[in-house]
């Protein structure tokens, strides 16, 4: 198993509060070896809410391959789940991401891991 690191774009009390209120977090980068992945964690209730909204708008709800269901979206739960998924080689099933490409237009400061907060 390769070494894993976990990063959030922000790691303060206000962000933690907002993430728990929204019941999802997408500003996560997982580094496994030299590859970067961007999982999104979401609670079942938020997922159902998003699904129902899509249906009410006449849209098709599409599951992203990096979507991870969690009981709650606090920092410790997220870290624990990501560690366990890494032990199961989950990230080998995902496509790596390129931060320069993802953040080429908005949040350009996030194009480099040096501007992310390492939480594990």
Protein backbone atom coordinates (compact mmCIF):
# COMPACT_ATOMS: atom_id res chain seq x y z
CA UNK A 1 0.00 0.00 0.00
CA UNK A 2 1.35 3.40 -0.99
CA UNK A 3 1.71 6.29 1.41
CA UNK A 4 -1.36 8.51 1.57
CA UNK A 5 -1.76 12.20 2.41
CA UNK A 6 -5.06 14.08 2.81
CA UNK A 7 -5.55 17.79 2.15
CA UNK A 8 -8.44 20.23 2.58
CA UNK A 9 -8.58 23.65 0.96
CA UNK A 10 -9.49 25.09 4.38
CA UNK A 11 -9.25 23.63 7.87
CA UNK A 12 -10.78 26.03 10.36
CA UNK A 13 -13.81 26.02 12.64
CA UNK A 14 -16.02 28.04 10.29
CA UNK A 15 -15.33 25.71 7.36
CA UNK A 16 -15.94 22.67 9.58
CA UNK A 17 -19.29 24.14 10.67
CA UNK A 18 -20.31 24.96 7.08
CA UNK A 19 -19.34 21.49 5.83
CA UNK A 20 -21.45 19.85 8.50
CA UNK A 21 -24.41 22.10 7.66
CA UNK A 22 -24.12 21.38 3.91
CA UNK A 23 -23.58 17.65 4.58
CA UNK A 24 -20.97 17.32 1.84
CA UNK A 25 -17.36 18.21 1.21
CA UNK A 26 -15.67 18.39 -2.17
CA UNK A 27 -12.56 20.41 -1.33
CA UNK A 28 -10.52 17.31 -0.57
CA UNK A 29 -7.36 16.10 -2.24
CA UNK A 30 -5.97 12.66 -1.52
CA UNK A 31 -2.40 12.00 -2.56
CA UNK A 32 -1.52 8.34 -3.01
CA UNK A 33 2.05 7.88 -4.10
CA UNK A 34 2.50 10.63 -6.68
CA UNK A 35 -1.11 10.67 -7.88
CA UNK A 36 -3.81 13.10 -6.72
CA UNK A 37 -7.50 12.28 -6.34
CA UNK A 38 -10.46 14.49 -5.50
CA UNK A 39 -13.14 12.52 -3.68
CA UNK A 40 -16.42 14.09 -2.66
CA UNK A 41 -17.99 12.97 0.59
CA UNK A 42 -21.72 13.33 1.11
CA UNK A 43 -24.31 12.14 3.60
CA UNK A 44 -27.22 9.95 2.44
CA UNK A 45 -29.73 12.67 3.37
CA UNK A 46 -27.92 15.28 1.25
CA UNK A 47 -27.60 12.82 -1.61
CA UNK A 48 -31.35 12.16 -1.48
CA UNK A 49 -32.04 15.88 -1.39
CA UNK A 50 -29.82 16.45 -4.44
CA UNK A 51 -31.48 13.52 -6.22
CA UNK A 52 -34.99 14.84 -5.51
CA UNK A 53 -34.02 18.32 -6.71
CA UNK A 54 -32.65 16.93 -9.98
CA UNK A 55 -35.83 14.94 -10.58
CA UNK A 56 -38.05 17.94 -9.80
CA UNK A 57 -36.06 19.97 -12.35
CA UNK A 58 -36.52 17.24 -14.98
CA UNK A 59 -32.84 16.38 -14.93
CA UNK A 60 -31.11 13.03 -14.70
CA UNK A 61 -29.15 12.51 -11.51
CA UNK A 62 -25.66 11.21 -12.23
CA UNK A 63 -23.44 9.61 -9.60
CA UNK A 64 -19.85 10.78 -9.82
CA UNK A 65 -17.29 7.96 -9.61
CA UNK A 66 -15.54 9.78 -6.75
CA UNK A 67 -18.68 10.06 -4.58
CA UNK A 68 -18.31 8.58 -1.10
CA UNK A 69 -21.24 8.22 1.30
CA UNK A 70 -20.47 9.05 4.92
CA UNK A 71 -22.54 9.12 8.07
CA UNK A 72 -21.40 12.66 8.87
CA UNK A 73 -19.04 15.15 7.30
CA UNK A 74 -16.81 16.10 10.21
CA UNK A 75 -13.06 16.11 9.68
CA UNK A 76 -12.31 12.96 11.71
CA UNK A 77 -15.01 10.89 9.99
CA UNK A 78 -13.74 11.96 6.57
CA UNK A 79 -10.13 11.12 7.42
CA UNK A 80 -11.08 7.72 8.91
CA UNK A 81 -13.14 6.77 5.85
CA UNK A 82 -10.43 7.85 3.40
CA UNK A 83 -7.79 5.84 5.29
CA UNK A 84 -9.97 2.73 5.20
CA UNK A 85 -10.71 3.21 1.50
CA UNK A 86 -7.00 3.53 0.77
CA UNK A 87 -6.40 0.24 2.60
CA UNK A 88 -8.93 -1.30 0.18
CA UNK A 89 -7.10 0.22 -2.84
CA UNK A 90 -10.18 2.32 -3.63
CA UNK A 91 -8.16 5.11 -5.21
CA UNK A 92 -6.66 2.77 -7.79
CA UNK A 93 -10.19 2.61 -9.25
CA UNK A 94 -10.40 6.40 -9.75
CA UNK A 95 -8.84 8.62 -12.35
CA UNK A 96 -6.18 10.95 -10.95
CA UNK A 97 -6.76 14.69 -11.19
CA UNK A 98 -4.59 17.58 -12.32
CA UNK A 99 -4.90 20.56 -9.96
CA UNK A 100 -3.62 22.98 -12.59
CA UNK A 101 -6.45 21.89 -14.90
CA UNK A 102 -9.21 21.85 -12.27
CA UNK A 103 -8.31 25.27 -10.89
CA UNK A 104 -7.10 26.96 -14.08
CA UNK A 105 -9.90 29.57 -14.02
CA UNK A 106 -11.17 29.82 -10.45
CA UNK A 107 -9.34 29.43 -7.14
CA UNK A 108 -6.04 29.46 -9.01
CA UNK A 109 -4.15 29.46 -5.71
CA UNK A 110 -5.27 25.82 -5.31
CA UNK A 111 -3.26 24.68 -8.34
CA UNK A 112 -0.44 23.71 -6.00
CA UNK A 113 -0.59 21.42 -2.96
CA UNK A 114 1.46 23.97 -1.05
CA UNK A 115 -1.69 26.09 -0.78
CA UNK A 116 -3.79 23.26 0.62
CA UNK A 117 -3.88 22.31 4.31
CA UNK A 118 -2.54 18.86 5.06
CA UNK A 119 -4.83 17.16 7.58
CA UNK A 120 -3.30 13.67 7.43
